[in-house]
Amino acid sequence: MPKENLMSKKTVTVFAATGTAGRACVEELIRQDVFNVQVLVRKSGMVEKTSVNPPQDAATKHAQWVDWQARGVTIRHADVTNAFELISALKGTDYLVSCVPITATESQYPLIWAAKEAGVERFVPSEFGLIYEWEQSLPTPTLHRALARQKVFIRQVIELAGLDYTIIPAGFWPEYYLLEPVSVMGKGQDKIAWSAGQDVGRIIPHVLAHPASRNATCAVAATAYCSWDELIDVRERLLGRKIARAYLDNAAFRAAYAGARNHAEQELTAIGVAATEAAAGMPLFGNWNATYLPEFKGTPLEVLFPTVIEPTLAAMRAAMAGTQ
């Protein structure tokens, strides 16, 4: 690529790029070819948190970095707990995208300070679920509401630092919500946002490239915008059998949360509490991309179910069986 083209492009740096969303984000940035692409990686030996899947081993990560470098990506190593190393690593970055898992939300604080000092223009925090600014004020105290309050605080810190931001709520990741019997949140008929992890990553570069995303909350439906019933109907058609459904209201989810047997159950039922507790007419889920990115297409459900959703559900069932 000519040097003048590289100089005219914005540079996007992705942190936590070996998870599902992060990896897909980098791959789409490469394919899109609108930005210069960098990946910020932890120095060897640093502790890494994950939400569901175990972290990749060092050899797999290294192979991924070598592959990306061969395709023009710059890899920056840093002690991500050391602000001074982070400042150096982020020099030249225009947009910093954080794809840290939900269990590592607090790791973004040093990134914000370093981004400010390094002259980064915009910070994209890891907020790829509900619209946390609304969830933080819901009445029932759960671990997910506490997380929502932390996410909102992080955004306030971003603004305090004088950085632009882009918030990308993505609704539900369908691969984690369809264990049978499926706990449908509410009556199952209202359309909501569904965004598989890989589609969350894929849509981020497109949101960033759109001028309406600056200092905006861009609530996307990266995979599908449909009701619970419509989503489960597709699964039934693909599997050729009926799927058991349990339609749960807020009282049922609060009871399930109180009786959760482990952290994973607590987290999922807490999300159910939030989704069923929102006042009528409050849109917890949006479809920003239908208006601003009509050309973006998520993974077809007919492809996503056999390749992503069913294998993920099988792994979840096996993990749950191992803890009982």
C-alpha atoms as a PDB file:
ATOM      1  CA  MET A   1       0.000   0.000   0.000  1.00  0.00           C
ATOM      2  CA  PRO A   2       1.399   3.455  -0.877  1.00  0.00           C
ATOM      3  CA  LYS A   3       2.750   5.404   2.080  1.00  0.00           C
ATOM      4  CA  GLU A   4       0.438   8.361   1.404  1.00  0.00           C
ATOM      5  CA  ASN A   5      -2.613   6.085   1.741  1.00  0.00           C
ATOM      6  CA  LEU A   6      -1.395   4.791   5.094  1.00  0.00           C
ATOM      7  CA  MET A   7      -0.889   8.340   6.333  1.00  0.00           C
ATOM      8  CA  SER A   8      -4.386   9.455   5.300  1.00  0.00           C
ATOM      9  CA  LYS A   9      -6.170   6.647   7.134  1.00  0.00           C
ATOM     10  CA  LYS A  10      -7.223   6.665  10.766  1.00  0.00           C
ATOM     11  CA  THR A  11      -5.523   4.021  12.925  1.00  0.00           C
ATOM     12  CA  VAL A  12      -7.670   1.651  14.974  1.00  0.00           C
ATOM     13  CA  THR A  13      -6.066  -0.293  17.819  1.00  0.00           C
ATOM     14  CA  VAL A  14      -7.940  -3.310  19.197  1.00  0.00           C
ATOM     15  CA  PHE A  15      -7.349  -4.568  22.728  1.00  0.00           C
ATOM     16  CA  ALA A  16      -8.345  -8.123  23.763  1.00  0.00           C
ATOM     17  CA  ALA A  17      -8.255  -9.193  20.145  1.00  0.00           C
ATOM     18  CA  THR A  18      -8.080 -12.963  20.607  1.00  0.00           C
ATOM     19  CA  GLY A  19     -11.588 -13.366  22.003  1.00  0.00           C
ATOM     20  CA  THR A  20     -14.598 -14.011  19.783  1.00  0.00           C
ATOM     21  CA  ALA A  21     -15.557 -10.370  19.195  1.00  0.00           C
ATOM     22  CA  GLY A  22     -12.008  -9.036  19.163  1.00  0.00           C
ATOM     23  CA  ARG A  23     -10.760 -11.546  16.615  1.00  0.00           C
ATOM     24  CA  ALA A  24     -13.741 -10.921  14.342  1.00  0.00           C
ATOM     25  CA  CYS A  25     -13.216  -7.164  14.679  1.00  0.00           C
ATOM     26  CA  VAL A  26      -9.601  -7.390  13.519  1.00  0.00           C
ATOM     27  CA  GLU A  27     -10.504  -9.671  10.622  1.00  0.00           C
ATOM     28  CA  GLU A  28     -13.215  -7.256   9.476  1.00  0.00           C
ATOM     29  CA  LEU A  29     -10.890  -4.271   9.811  1.00  0.00           C
ATOM     30  CA  ILE A  30      -8.435  -6.049   7.518  1.00  0.00           C
ATOM     31  CA  ARG A  31     -11.140  -6.961   5.026  1.00  0.00           C
ATOM     32  CA  GLN A  32     -12.748  -3.532   5.140  1.00  0.00           C
ATOM     33  CA  ASP A  33      -9.426  -1.755   4.456  1.00  0.00           C
ATOM     34  CA  VAL A  34     -10.678   1.629   5.699  1.00  0.00           C
ATOM     35  CA  PHE A  35      -8.345   1.966   8.709  1.00  0.00           C
ATOM     36  CA  ASN A  36      -4.758   1.176   9.596  1.00  0.00           C
ATOM     37  CA  VAL A  37      -4.957  -1.705  12.071  1.00  0.00           C
ATOM     38  CA  GLN A  38      -3.038  -2.308  15.278  1.00  0.00           C
ATOM     39  CA  VAL A  39      -3.499  -4.886  18.019  1.00  0.00           C
ATOM     40  CA  LEU A  40      -2.502  -4.198  21.626  1.00  0.00           C
ATOM     41  CA  VAL A  41      -1.456  -7.394  23.402  1.00  0.00           C
ATOM     42  CA  ARG A  42      -0.479  -8.161  26.971  1.00  0.00           C
ATOM     43  CA  LYS A  43       3.120  -8.963  27.684  1.00  0.00           C
ATOM     44  CA  SER A  44       3.801 -12.657  28.110  1.00  0.00           C
ATOM     45  CA  GLY A  45       2.776 -14.100  31.460  1.00  0.00           C
ATOM     46  CA  MET A  46       0.153 -11.514  32.374  1.00  0.00           C
ATOM     47  CA  VAL A  47      -3.125 -12.805  33.821  1.00  0.00           C
ATOM     48  CA  GLU A  48      -6.018 -12.804  31.351  1.00  0.00           C
ATOM     49  CA  LYS A  49      -9.692 -13.027  32.322  1.00  0.00           C
ATOM     50  CA  THR A  50     -12.380 -14.650  30.173  1.00  0.00           C
ATOM     51  CA  SER A  51     -16.162 -14.755  30.437  1.00  0.00           C
ATOM     52  CA  VAL A  52     -17.061 -18.224  29.174  1.00  0.00           C
ATOM     53  CA  ASN A  53     -14.468 -19.820  26.935  1.00  0.00           C
ATOM     54  CA  PRO A  54     -10.954 -20.575  28.234  1.00  0.00           C
ATOM     55  CA  PRO A  55      -8.199 -18.259  26.974  1.00  0.00           C
ATOM     56  CA  GLN A  56      -6.206 -19.355  23.970  1.00  0.00           C
ATOM     57  CA  ASP A  57      -2.808 -20.877  24.658  1.00  0.00           C
ATOM     58  CA  ALA A  58       0.336 -18.866  23.940  1.00  0.00           C
ATOM     59  CA  ALA A  59       1.211 -20.780  20.766  1.00  0.00           C
ATOM     60  CA  THR A  60      -2.227 -20.211  19.236  1.00  0.00           C
ATOM     61  CA  LYS A  61      -2.088 -16.504  20.039  1.00  0.00           C
ATOM     62  CA  HIS A  62       1.392 -16.151  18.597  1.00  0.00           C
ATOM     63  CA  ALA A  63       0.320 -17.865  15.383  1.00  0.00           C
ATOM     64  CA  GLN A  64      -2.618 -15.469  15.137  1.00  0.00           C
ATOM     65  CA  TRP A  65      -0.370 -12.429  15.598  1.00  0.00           C
ATOM     66  CA  VAL A  66       2.076 -13.683  12.958  1.00  0.00           C
ATOM     67  CA  ASP A  67      -0.791 -14.187  10.519  1.00  0.00           C
ATOM     68  CA  TRP A  68      -2.147 -10.688  11.172  1.00  0.00           C
ATOM     69  CA  GLN A  69       1.299  -9.139  10.802  1.00  0.00           C
ATOM     70  CA  ALA A  70       1.667 -10.823   7.418  1.00  0.00           C
ATOM     71  CA  ARG A  71      -1.546  -9.045   6.404  1.00  0.00           C
ATOM     72  CA  GLY A  72      -0.386  -5.600   7.483  1.00  0.00           C
ATOM     73  CA  VAL A  73      -1.434  -5.441  11.144  1.00  0.00           C
ATOM     74  CA  THR A  74       0.942  -3.865  13.668  1.00  0.00           C
ATOM     75  CA  ILE A  75       1.278  -5.748  16.966  1.00  0.00           C
ATOM     76  CA  ARG A  76       2.064  -3.667  20.062  1.00  0.00           C
ATOM     77  CA  HIS A  77       3.108  -5.420  23.296  1.00  0.00           C
ATOM     78  CA  ALA A  78       2.712  -3.727  26.676  1.00  0.00           C
ATOM     79  CA  ASP A  79       2.246  -4.289  30.377  1.00  0.00           C
ATOM     80  CA  VAL A  80      -1.429  -3.293  30.338  1.00  0.00           C
ATOM     81  CA  THR A  81      -1.325  -2.410  34.051  1.00  0.00           C
ATOM     82  CA  ASN A  82       1.500   0.091  33.483  1.00  0.00           C
ATOM     83  CA  ALA A  83       0.238   3.458  32.251  1.00  0.00           C
ATOM     84  CA  PHE A  84       3.619   4.547  30.889  1.00  0.00           C
ATOM     85  CA  GLU A  85       4.036   1.425  28.750  1.00  0.00           C
ATOM     86  CA  LEU A  86       0.453   1.807  27.531  1.00  0.00           C
ATOM     87  CA  ILE A  87       1.008   5.439  26.540  1.00  0.00           C
ATOM     88  CA  SER A  88       3.962   4.430  24.381  1.00  0.00           C
ATOM     89  CA  ALA A  89       2.058   1.515  22.843  1.00  0.00           C
ATOM     90  CA  LEU A  90      -0.948   3.716  21.981  1.00  0.00           C
ATOM     91  CA  LYS A  91       0.999   6.528  20.301  1.00  0.00           C
ATOM     92  CA  GLY A  92      -0.389   7.018  16.804  1.00  0.00           C
ATOM     93  CA  THR A  93      -3.772   5.449  17.638  1.00  0.00           C
ATOM     94  CA  ASP A  94      -6.868   7.395  16.580  1.00  0.00           C
ATOM     95  CA  TYR A  95      -9.573   4.976  17.756  1.00  0.00           C
ATOM     96  CA  LEU A  96      -9.060   2.480  20.593  1.00  0.00           C
ATOM     97  CA  VAL A  97     -11.496  -0.458  20.671  1.00  0.00           C
ATOM     98  CA  SER A  98     -11.730  -2.500  23.865  1.00  0.00           C
ATOM     99  CA  CYS A  99     -13.087  -6.035  23.487  1.00  0.00           C
ATOM    100  CA  VAL A 100     -12.384  -7.161  27.037  1.00  0.00           C
ATOM    101  CA  PRO A 101     -14.841  -9.712  28.459  1.00  0.00           C
ATOM    102  CA  ILE A 102     -17.469  -8.806  31.010  1.00  0.00           C
ATOM    103  CA  THR A 103     -15.260 -10.177  33.794  1.00  0.00           C
ATOM    104  CA  ALA A 104     -12.464  -7.721  32.972  1.00  0.00           C
ATOM    105  CA  THR A 105     -14.431  -4.483  32.790  1.00  0.00           C
ATOM    106  CA  GLU A 106     -12.122  -2.795  35.307  1.00  0.00           C
ATOM    107  CA  SER A 107      -9.083  -3.352  33.039  1.00  0.00           C
ATOM    108  CA  GLN A 108     -10.282  -0.428  30.920  1.00  0.00           C
ATOM    109  CA  TYR A 109      -9.431   2.264  33.501  1.00  0.00           C
ATOM    110  CA  PRO A 110      -5.673   2.369  32.743  1.00  0.00           C
ATOM    111  CA  LEU A 111      -6.489   2.235  29.029  1.00  0.00           C
ATOM    112  CA  ILE A 112      -8.561   5.418  29.284  1.00  0.00           C
ATOM    113  CA  TRP A 113      -5.800   7.356  31.037  1.00  0.00           C
ATOM    114  CA  ALA A 114      -3.150   6.109  28.625  1.00  0.00           C
ATOM    115  CA  ALA A 115      -5.376   6.912  25.651  1.00  0.00           C
ATOM    116  CA  LYS A 116      -5.754  10.488  26.900  1.00  0.00           C
ATOM    117  CA  GLU A 117      -2.005  10.907  27.341  1.00  0.00           C
ATOM    118  CA  ALA A 118      -1.211   9.263  23.993  1.00  0.00           C
ATOM    119  CA  GLY A 119      -3.506  11.614  22.061  1.00  0.00           C
ATOM    120  CA  VAL A 120      -6.113   8.995  21.148  1.00  0.00           C
ATOM    121  CA  GLU A 121      -9.206  10.591  19.635  1.00  0.00           C
ATOM    122  CA  ARG A 122     -11.943   8.073  20.450  1.00  0.00           C
ATOM    123  CA  PHE A 123     -12.450   5.205  22.900  1.00  0.00           C
ATOM    124  CA  VAL A 124     -14.866   2.353  22.247  1.00  0.00           C
ATOM    125  CA  PRO A 125     -15.488   0.582  25.570  1.00  0.00           C
ATOM    126  CA  SER A 126     -16.596  -3.016  25.837  1.00  0.00           C
ATOM    127  CA  GLU A 127     -20.374  -2.504  26.108  1.00  0.00           C
ATOM    128  CA  PHE A 128     -21.734  -5.076  23.689  1.00  0.00           C
ATOM    129  CA  GLY A 129     -24.843  -6.148  25.604  1.00  0.00           C
ATOM    130  CA  LEU A 130     -27.811  -4.205  26.990  1.00  0.00           C
ATOM    131  CA  ILE A 131     -28.022  -0.424  27.050  1.00  0.00           C
ATOM    132  CA  TYR A 132     -26.394  -0.106  30.447  1.00  0.00           C
ATOM    133  CA  GLU A 133     -27.249   3.561  30.936  1.00  0.00           C
ATOM    134  CA  TRP A 134     -30.884   2.500  31.266  1.00  0.00           C
ATOM    135  CA  GLU A 135     -30.263  -0.747  33.098  1.00  0.00           C
ATOM    136  CA  GLN A 136     -28.301   0.955  35.889  1.00  0.00           C
ATOM    137  CA  SER A 137     -31.494   2.584  37.209  1.00  0.00           C
ATOM    138  CA  LEU A 138     -33.712  -0.502  37.300  1.00  0.00           C
ATOM    139  CA  PRO A 139     -35.066  -1.270  40.802  1.00  0.00           C
ATOM    140  CA  THR A 140     -33.803  -4.804  41.531  1.00  0.00           C
ATOM    141  CA  PRO A 141     -30.172  -4.966  42.705  1.00  0.00           C
ATOM    142  CA  THR A 142     -28.403  -7.796  40.885  1.00  0.00           C
ATOM    143  CA  LEU A 143     -24.807  -8.453  39.943  1.00  0.00           C
ATOM    144  CA  HIS A 144     -25.641  -7.435  36.370  1.00  0.00           C
ATOM    145  CA  ARG A 145     -27.125  -4.117  37.477  1.00  0.00           C
ATOM    146  CA  ALA A 146     -23.903  -3.505  39.450  1.00  0.00           C
ATOM    147  CA  LEU A 147     -21.957  -4.252  36.274  1.00  0.00           C
ATOM    148  CA  ALA A 148     -24.180  -1.853  34.338  1.00  0.00           C
ATOM    149  CA  ARG A 149     -23.401   0.893  36.837  1.00  0.00           C
ATOM    150  CA  GLN A 150     -19.671   0.231  36.407  1.00  0.00           C
ATOM    151  CA  LYS A 151     -20.010   0.330  32.616  1.00  0.00           C
ATOM    152  CA  VAL A 152     -21.778   3.694  32.810  1.00  0.00           C
ATOM    153  CA  PHE A 153     -19.089   5.004  35.149  1.00  0.00           C
ATOM    154  CA  ILE A 154     -16.425   3.980  32.653  1.00  0.00           C
ATOM    155  CA  ARG A 155     -18.183   6.021  30.002  1.00  0.00           C
ATOM    156  CA  GLN A 156     -18.220   8.991  32.375  1.00  0.00           C
ATOM    157  CA  VAL A 157     -14.472   8.553  32.902  1.00  0.00           C
ATOM    158  CA  ILE A 158     -13.986   8.538  29.118  1.00  0.00           C
ATOM    159  CA  GLU A 159     -15.811  11.850  28.882  1.00  0.00           C
ATOM    160  CA  LEU A 160     -13.890  13.240  31.866  1.00  0.00           C
ATOM    161  CA  ALA A 161     -10.681  12.402  30.020  1.00  0.00           C
ATOM    162  CA  GLY A 162     -11.862  14.498  27.091  1.00  0.00           C
ATOM    163  CA  LEU A 163     -12.082  11.550  24.700  1.00  0.00           C
ATOM    164  CA  ASP A 164     -14.778  10.969  22.123  1.00  0.00           C
ATOM    165  CA  TYR A 165     -16.655   7.698  22.515  1.00  0.00           C
ATOM    166  CA  THR A 166     -18.819   5.229  20.638  1.00  0.00           C
ATOM    167  CA  ILE A 167     -21.083   2.896  22.633  1.00  0.00           C
ATOM    168  CA  ILE A 168     -22.273  -0.227  20.777  1.00  0.00           C
ATOM    169  CA  PRO A 169     -24.949  -2.143  22.735  1.00  0.00           C
ATOM    170  CA  ALA A 170     -25.714  -5.349  20.858  1.00  0.00           C
ATOM    171  CA  GLY A 171     -28.584  -6.989  22.746  1.00  0.00           C
ATOM    172  CA  PHE A 172     -28.409 -10.733  23.325  1.00  0.00           C
ATOM    173  CA  TRP A 173     -25.680 -13.077  22.101  1.00  0.00           C
ATOM    174  CA  PRO A 174     -27.968 -15.966  20.997  1.00  0.00           C
ATOM    175  CA  GLU A 175     -25.382 -18.680  21.540  1.00  0.00           C
ATOM    176  CA  TYR A 176     -25.771 -18.281  25.326  1.00  0.00           C
ATOM    177  CA  TYR A 177     -29.555 -18.045  25.772  1.00  0.00           C
ATOM    178  CA  LEU A 178     -31.059 -21.136  24.166  1.00  0.00           C
ATOM    179  CA  LEU A 179     -30.408 -23.982  26.597  1.00  0.00           C
ATOM    180  CA  GLU A 180     -33.557 -26.106  26.876  1.00  0.00           C
ATOM    181  CA  PRO A 181     -36.064 -25.460  28.158  1.00  0.00           C
ATOM    182  CA  VAL A 182     -35.431 -21.983  26.764  1.00  0.00           C
ATOM    183  CA  SER A 183     -36.114 -19.306  29.383  1.00  0.00           C
ATOM    184  CA  VAL A 184     -37.928 -16.753  27.243  1.00  0.00           C
ATOM    185  CA  MET A 185     -37.742 -13.273  28.751  1.00  0.00           C
ATOM    186  CA  GLY A 186     -41.327 -12.049  28.763  1.00  0.00           C
ATOM    187  CA  LYS A 187     -44.040 -13.013  26.294  1.00  0.00           C
ATOM    188  CA  GLY A 188     -41.596 -13.728  23.464  1.00  0.00           C
ATOM    189  CA  GLN A 189     -43.362 -11.666  20.814  1.00  0.00           C
ATOM    190  CA  ASP A 190     -41.544  -8.309  20.842  1.00  0.00           C
ATOM    191  CA  LYS A 191     -38.653  -7.826  18.433  1.00  0.00           C
ATOM    192  CA  ILE A 192     -35.261  -7.441  20.101  1.00  0.00           C
ATOM    193  CA  ALA A 193     -31.617  -7.293  19.054  1.00  0.00           C
ATOM    194  CA  TRP A 194     -29.643 -10.513  18.611  1.00  0.00           C
ATOM    195  CA  SER A 195     -25.902 -10.282  17.976  1.00  0.00           C
ATOM    196  CA  ALA A 196     -23.683 -13.365  17.893  1.00  0.00           C
ATOM    197  CA  GLY A 197     -20.185 -12.706  19.197  1.00  0.00           C
ATOM    198  CA  GLN A 198     -18.594 -12.925  15.752  1.00  0.00           C
ATOM    199  CA  ASP A 199     -21.112 -10.468  14.316  1.00  0.00           C
ATOM    200  CA  VAL A 200     -20.512  -8.059  17.202  1.00  0.00           C
ATOM    201  CA  GLY A 201     -16.865  -7.983  16.169  1.00  0.00           C
ATOM    202  CA  ARG A 202     -17.674  -7.681  12.489  1.00  0.00           C
ATOM    203  CA  ILE A 203     -20.000  -4.704  12.881  1.00  0.00           C
ATOM    204  CA  ILE A 204     -17.638  -2.583  15.019  1.00  0.00           C
ATOM    205  CA  PRO A 205     -15.487  -1.311  12.091  1.00  0.00           C
ATOM    206  CA  HIS A 206     -18.613  -0.378  10.140  1.00  0.00           C
ATOM    207  CA  VAL A 207     -20.055   1.569  13.081  1.00  0.00           C
ATOM    208  CA  LEU A 208     -16.740   3.381  13.563  1.00  0.00           C
ATOM    209  CA  ALA A 209     -16.556   4.326   9.889  1.00  0.00           C
ATOM    210  CA  HIS A 210     -19.957   6.029  10.015  1.00  0.00           C
ATOM    211  CA  PRO A 211     -19.918   9.722  11.016  1.00  0.00           C
ATOM    212  CA  ALA A 212     -23.087   9.307  13.121  1.00  0.00           C
ATOM    213  CA  SER A 213     -21.180   7.084  15.571  1.00  0.00           C
ATOM    214  CA  ARG A 214     -19.122   9.895  17.135  1.00  0.00           C
ATOM    215  CA  ASN A 215     -20.180  10.497  20.753  1.00  0.00           C
ATOM    216  CA  ALA A 216     -23.210   8.296  20.188  1.00  0.00           C
ATOM    217  CA  THR A 217     -24.884   5.175  21.522  1.00  0.00           C
ATOM    218  CA  CYS A 218     -25.333   2.909  18.512  1.00  0.00           C
ATOM    219  CA  ALA A 219     -27.545   0.027  19.648  1.00  0.00           C
ATOM    220  CA  VAL A 220     -27.191  -2.621  16.961  1.00  0.00           C
ATOM    221  CA  ALA A 221     -28.787  -5.905  16.009  1.00  0.00           C
ATOM    222  CA  ALA A 222     -25.736  -7.371  14.305  1.00  0.00           C
ATOM    223  CA  THR A 223     -27.238 -10.797  13.576  1.00  0.00           C
ATOM    224  CA  ALA A 224     -31.038 -10.473  13.634  1.00  0.00           C
ATOM    225  CA  TYR A 225     -33.839  -8.223  14.830  1.00  0.00           C
ATOM    226  CA  CYS A 226     -36.621 -10.606  15.750  1.00  0.00           C
ATOM    227  CA  SER A 227     -38.635 -11.945  18.662  1.00  0.00           C
ATOM    228  CA  TRP A 228     -37.729 -14.866  20.904  1.00  0.00           C
ATOM    229  CA  ASP A 229     -40.462 -16.914  19.264  1.00  0.00           C
ATOM    230  CA  GLU A 230     -39.214 -16.129  15.759  1.00  0.00           C
ATOM    231  CA  LEU A 231     -35.654 -17.101  16.693  1.00  0.00           C
ATOM    232  CA  ILE A 232     -36.733 -20.372  18.310  1.00  0.00           C
ATOM    233  CA  ASP A 233     -38.992 -21.139  15.351  1.00  0.00           C
ATOM    234  CA  VAL A 234     -35.929 -21.054  13.098  1.00  0.00           C
ATOM    235  CA  ARG A 235     -34.114 -23.426  15.423  1.00  0.00           C
ATOM    236  CA  GLU A 236     -37.062 -25.824  15.450  1.00  0.00           C
ATOM    237  CA  ARG A 237     -37.152 -25.826  11.660  1.00  0.00           C
ATOM    238  CA  LEU A 238     -33.423 -26.558  11.416  1.00  0.00           C
ATOM    239  CA  LEU A 239     -33.479 -29.312  14.065  1.00  0.00           C
ATOM    240  CA  GLY A 240     -36.760 -30.801  12.872  1.00  0.00           C
ATOM    241  CA  ARG A 241     -38.222 -30.954  16.381  1.00  0.00           C
ATOM    242  CA  LYS A 242     -39.968 -28.837  18.970  1.00  0.00           C
ATOM    243  CA  ILE A 243     -37.989 -26.757  21.468  1.00  0.00           C
ATOM    244  CA  ALA A 244     -39.347 -26.507  25.009  1.00  0.00           C
ATOM    245  CA  ARG A 245     -40.045 -22.886  25.963  1.00  0.00           C
ATOM    246  CA  ALA A 246     -40.679 -21.406  29.411  1.00  0.00           C
ATOM    247  CA  TYR A 247     -42.147 -17.899  29.277  1.00  0.00           C
ATOM    248  CA  LEU A 248     -40.909 -16.177  32.429  1.00  0.00           C
ATOM    249  CA  ASP A 249     -41.999 -12.810  33.819  1.00  0.00           C
ATOM    250  CA  ASN A 250     -40.022 -10.568  36.143  1.00  0.00           C
ATOM    251  CA  ALA A 251     -41.185 -12.340  39.308  1.00  0.00           C
ATOM    252  CA  ALA A 252     -40.051 -15.686  37.898  1.00  0.00           C
ATOM    253  CA  PHE A 253     -36.626 -14.325  36.945  1.00  0.00           C
ATOM    254  CA  ARG A 254     -36.173 -12.713  40.362  1.00  0.00           C
ATOM    255  CA  ALA A 255     -36.959 -16.058  41.977  1.00  0.00           C
ATOM    256  CA  ALA A 256     -34.547 -17.824  39.645  1.00  0.00           C
ATOM    257  CA  TYR A 257     -31.847 -15.280  40.449  1.00  0.00           C
ATOM    258  CA  ALA A 258     -32.345 -15.782  44.194  1.00  0.00           C
ATOM    259  CA  GLY A 259     -32.017 -19.540  43.735  1.00  0.00           C
ATOM    260  CA  ALA A 260     -29.090 -19.549  41.288  1.00  0.00           C
ATOM    261  CA  ARG A 261     -26.636 -22.347  42.038  1.00  0.00           C
ATOM    262  CA  ASN A 262     -23.513 -20.817  40.492  1.00  0.00           C
ATOM    263  CA  HIS A 263     -22.145 -17.605  39.012  1.00  0.00           C
ATOM    264  CA  ALA A 264     -23.155 -18.486  35.439  1.00  0.00           C
ATOM    265  CA  GLU A 265     -26.788 -19.018  36.474  1.00  0.00           C
ATOM    266  CA  GLN A 266     -26.681 -15.796  38.493  1.00  0.00           C
ATOM    267  CA  GLU A 267     -25.422 -13.842  35.495  1.00  0.00           C
ATOM    268  CA  LEU A 268     -28.001 -15.198  33.043  1.00  0.00           C
ATOM    269  CA  THR A 269     -30.943 -14.836  35.419  1.00  0.00           C
ATOM    270  CA  ALA A 270     -29.818 -11.315  36.356  1.00  0.00           C
ATOM    271  CA  ILE A 271     -30.018 -10.380  32.671  1.00  0.00           C
ATOM    272  CA  GLY A 272     -33.514 -11.883  32.644  1.00  0.00           C
ATOM    273  CA  VAL A 273     -34.441  -9.682  35.604  1.00  0.00           C
ATOM    274  CA  ALA A 274     -33.225  -6.600  33.733  1.00  0.00           C
ATOM    275  CA  ALA A 275     -34.912  -7.488  30.450  1.00  0.00           C
ATOM    276  CA  THR A 276     -38.305  -8.100  32.077  1.00  0.00           C
ATOM    277  CA  GLU A 277     -38.096  -5.195  34.522  1.00  0.00           C
ATOM    278  CA  ALA A 278     -37.837  -2.390  31.975  1.00  0.00           C
ATOM    279  CA  ALA A 279     -40.932  -0.223  31.805  1.00  0.00           C
ATOM    280  CA  ALA A 280     -43.218  -0.729  28.817  1.00  0.00           C
ATOM    281  CA  GLY A 281     -42.004   1.308  25.890  1.00  0.00           C
ATOM    282  CA  MET A 282     -38.401   1.525  27.124  1.00  0.00           C
ATOM    283  CA  PRO A 283     -36.373   0.127  24.180  1.00  0.00           C
ATOM    284  CA  LEU A 284     -33.604  -1.878  25.813  1.00  0.00           C
ATOM    285  CA  PHE A 285     -32.689  -3.140  22.387  1.00  0.00           C
ATOM    286  CA  GLY A 286     -32.117  -1.145  19.216  1.00  0.00           C
ATOM    287  CA  ASN A 287     -31.541  -1.652  15.534  1.00  0.00           C
ATOM    288  CA  TRP A 288     -29.216   1.280  14.716  1.00  0.00           C
ATOM    289  CA  ASN A 289     -27.672  -0.590  11.816  1.00  0.00           C
ATOM    290  CA  ALA A 290     -31.015  -0.885   9.987  1.00  0.00           C
ATOM    291  CA  THR A 291     -30.989   2.900   9.619  1.00  0.00           C
ATOM    292  CA  TYR A 292     -27.291   3.704   9.279  1.00  0.00           C
ATOM    293  CA  LEU A 293     -25.732   0.465   7.977  1.00  0.00           C
ATOM    294  CA  PRO A 294     -28.394  -1.171   5.785  1.00  0.00           C
ATOM    295  CA  GLU A 295     -25.689  -2.853   3.714  1.00  0.00           C
ATOM    296  CA  PHE A 296     -24.302  -4.759   6.728  1.00  0.00           C
ATOM    297  CA  LYS A 297     -25.456  -8.376   6.865  1.00  0.00           C
ATOM    298  CA  GLY A 298     -25.043 -10.571   9.911  1.00  0.00           C
ATOM    299  CA  THR A 299     -24.406 -14.294   9.757  1.00  0.00           C
ATOM    300  CA  PRO A 300     -27.583 -16.010   8.453  1.00  0.00           C
ATOM    301  CA  LEU A 301     -29.330 -17.935  11.216  1.00  0.00           C
ATOM    302  CA  GLU A 302     -29.317 -21.029   9.007  1.00  0.00           C
ATOM    303  CA  VAL A 303     -25.506 -20.882   9.132  1.00  0.00           C
ATOM    304  CA  LEU A 304     -25.132 -19.611  12.686  1.00  0.00           C
ATOM    305  CA  PHE A 305     -27.168 -22.335  14.381  1.00  0.00           C
ATOM    306  CA  PRO A 306     -25.165 -25.381  13.203  1.00  0.00           C
ATOM    307  CA  THR A 307     -21.733 -23.695  13.247  1.00  0.00           C
ATOM    308  CA  VAL A 308     -21.863 -21.550  16.386  1.00  0.00           C
ATOM    309  CA  ILE A 309     -25.026 -21.776  18.479  1.00  0.00           C
ATOM    310  CA  GLU A 310     -25.467 -25.559  18.731  1.00  0.00           C
ATOM    311  CA  PRO A 311     -21.745 -26.243  19.467  1.00  0.00           C
ATOM    312  CA  THR A 312     -21.746 -23.501  22.121  1.00  0.00           C
ATOM    313  CA  LEU A 313     -24.878 -24.913  23.759  1.00  0.00           C
ATOM    314  CA  ALA A 314     -23.349 -28.399  23.732  1.00  0.00           C
ATOM    315  CA  ALA A 315     -20.222 -27.079  25.477  1.00  0.00           C
ATOM    316  CA  MET A 316     -22.386 -25.272  28.040  1.00  0.00           C
ATOM    317  CA  ARG A 317     -24.371 -28.444  28.768  1.00  0.00           C
ATOM    318  CA  ALA A 318     -21.148 -30.395  29.239  1.00  0.00           C
ATOM    319  CA  ALA A 319     -19.714 -27.742  31.557  1.00  0.00           C
ATOM    320  CA  MET A 320     -22.889 -27.670  33.631  1.00  0.00           C
ATOM    321  CA  ALA A 321     -22.917 -31.472  33.890  1.00  0.00           C
ATOM    322  CA  GLY A 322     -19.336 -31.383  35.127  1.00  0.00           C
ATOM    323  CA  THR A 323     -20.202 -29.037  37.996  1.00  0.00           C
ATOM    324  CA  GLN A 324     -23.178 -31.028  39.281  1.00  0.00           C
END
